[in-house]
Amino acid sequence: MKIASQPDLMKPYYEKYLAIIPEVVEKRDREFAQTFLNNLTFAVVADEKEEAAFQALLAKELHGSEHFLTQFLKKQIEAIDISKKAKKLCKDYLATEEKK
């Protein structure tokens, strides 16, 4: 089951996921951490609140620009931005279609 296919089931866990990211990266090996982060991310269905949380984590990131966590956080922020743009395009398209 893909998380993105059922976002309402995951929404109650967004804050916990975001809070535990630094701990998982620090205490687990890289392979586990990457698998954990990638398989539980909800970026494609996130909103501004979660985007701000990802940005806050990125601002705190001390591992450097090449670290996998830094790269992961940047990709999540980008995915959220793409998702927001797609939602806006759909909304604009529907508004245009309703006028016809």
Protein backbone atom coordinates (compact mmCIF):
# COMPACT_ATOMS: atom_id res chain seq x y z
CA MET A 1 0.00 0.00 0.00
CA LYS A 2 1.35 3.40 -0.95
CA ILE A 3 0.97 6.09 1.70
CA ALA A 4 0.03 8.72 -0.87
CA SER A 5 -3.00 6.66 -1.89
CA GLN A 6 -4.61 7.06 1.56
CA PRO A 7 -3.44 10.37 3.02
CA ASP A 8 -6.28 10.66 5.53
CA LEU A 9 -5.02 7.57 7.32
CA MET A 10 -1.56 9.08 7.68
CA LYS A 11 -2.46 12.67 8.59
CA PRO A 12 -2.62 11.98 12.35
CA TYR A 13 0.99 10.74 12.18
CA TYR A 14 2.58 13.61 10.20
CA GLU A 15 3.84 15.46 13.27
CA LYS A 16 5.27 12.31 14.86
CA TYR A 17 7.03 11.39 11.59
CA LEU A 18 8.56 14.85 11.32
CA ALA A 19 9.61 14.82 14.97
CA ILE A 20 11.32 11.45 14.75
CA ILE A 21 13.33 12.10 11.56
CA PRO A 22 16.45 13.46 13.34
CA GLU A 23 16.45 10.59 15.81
CA VAL A 24 16.15 7.94 13.10
CA VAL A 25 19.00 9.51 11.13
CA GLU A 26 21.24 9.75 14.20
CA LYS A 27 20.53 6.35 15.76
CA ARG A 28 20.05 4.06 12.77
CA ASP A 29 22.29 3.17 9.86
CA ARG A 30 21.96 5.07 6.62
CA GLU A 31 20.17 2.29 4.74
CA PHE A 32 17.49 1.96 7.42
CA ALA A 33 17.08 5.72 7.74
CA GLN A 34 16.70 6.22 4.00
CA THR A 35 14.19 3.39 3.73
CA PHE A 36 12.23 4.74 6.69
CA LEU A 37 12.19 8.29 5.35
CA ASN A 38 11.32 7.37 1.78
CA ASN A 39 8.60 4.86 2.57
CA LEU A 40 6.75 6.95 5.13
CA THR A 41 6.98 10.37 3.53
CA PHE A 42 3.75 12.15 2.77
CA ALA A 43 5.16 15.09 0.82
CA VAL A 44 2.99 14.59 -2.24
CA VAL A 45 -0.14 15.18 -0.16
CA ALA A 46 1.24 17.72 2.29
CA ASP A 47 0.08 21.29 2.71
CA GLU A 48 1.75 24.54 3.79
CA LYS A 49 1.97 23.48 7.44
CA GLU A 50 3.95 20.35 6.61
CA GLU A 51 6.05 22.24 4.07
CA ALA A 52 7.03 24.68 6.80
CA ALA A 53 7.93 21.75 9.07
CA PHE A 54 10.18 20.23 6.38
CA GLN A 55 11.79 23.64 5.85
CA ALA A 56 12.37 24.00 9.59
CA LEU A 57 14.09 20.61 9.66
CA LEU A 58 16.23 21.65 6.71
CA ALA A 59 17.19 24.88 8.48
CA LYS A 60 18.40 22.82 11.46
CA GLU A 61 20.28 20.30 9.31
CA LEU A 62 23.93 20.33 10.35
CA HIS A 63 25.27 17.46 8.27
CA GLY A 64 26.08 19.53 5.18
CA SER A 65 24.60 19.95 1.75
CA GLU A 66 25.65 16.52 0.48
CA HIS A 67 24.25 14.52 3.40
CA PHE A 68 21.38 12.22 2.49
CA LEU A 69 19.06 13.90 5.02
CA THR A 70 19.68 17.33 3.54
CA GLN A 71 19.02 15.99 0.05
CA PHE A 72 15.91 14.15 1.24
CA LEU A 73 14.46 17.27 2.88
CA LYS A 74 15.10 19.35 -0.24
CA LYS A 75 13.34 16.73 -2.37
CA GLN A 76 10.34 16.70 -0.02
CA ILE A 77 10.01 20.47 -0.18
CA GLU A 78 10.25 20.29 -3.96
CA ALA A 79 7.59 17.54 -4.07
CA ILE A 80 5.26 19.65 -1.94
CA ASP A 81 5.81 22.64 -4.22
CA ILE A 82 5.07 20.54 -7.32
CA SER A 83 1.95 19.13 -5.67
CA LYS A 84 0.71 22.62 -4.76
CA LYS A 85 1.26 23.81 -8.34
CA ALA A 86 -0.57 20.77 -9.71
CA LYS A 87 -3.51 21.35 -7.37
CA LYS A 88 -3.69 24.99 -8.45
CA LEU A 89 -3.62 24.02 -12.13
CA CYS A 90 -6.44 21.55 -11.57
CA LYS A 91 -8.47 24.11 -9.66
CA ASP A 92 -7.93 26.72 -12.39
CA TYR A 93 -8.84 24.20 -15.08
CA LEU A 94 -12.05 23.24 -13.30
CA ALA A 95 -12.98 26.89 -12.88
CA THR A 96 -12.42 27.43 -16.60
CA GLU A 97 -14.51 24.39 -17.49
CA GLU A 98 -17.36 25.51 -15.24
CA LYS A 99 -17.52 28.81 -17.12
CA LYS A 100 -18.08 27.04 -20.42
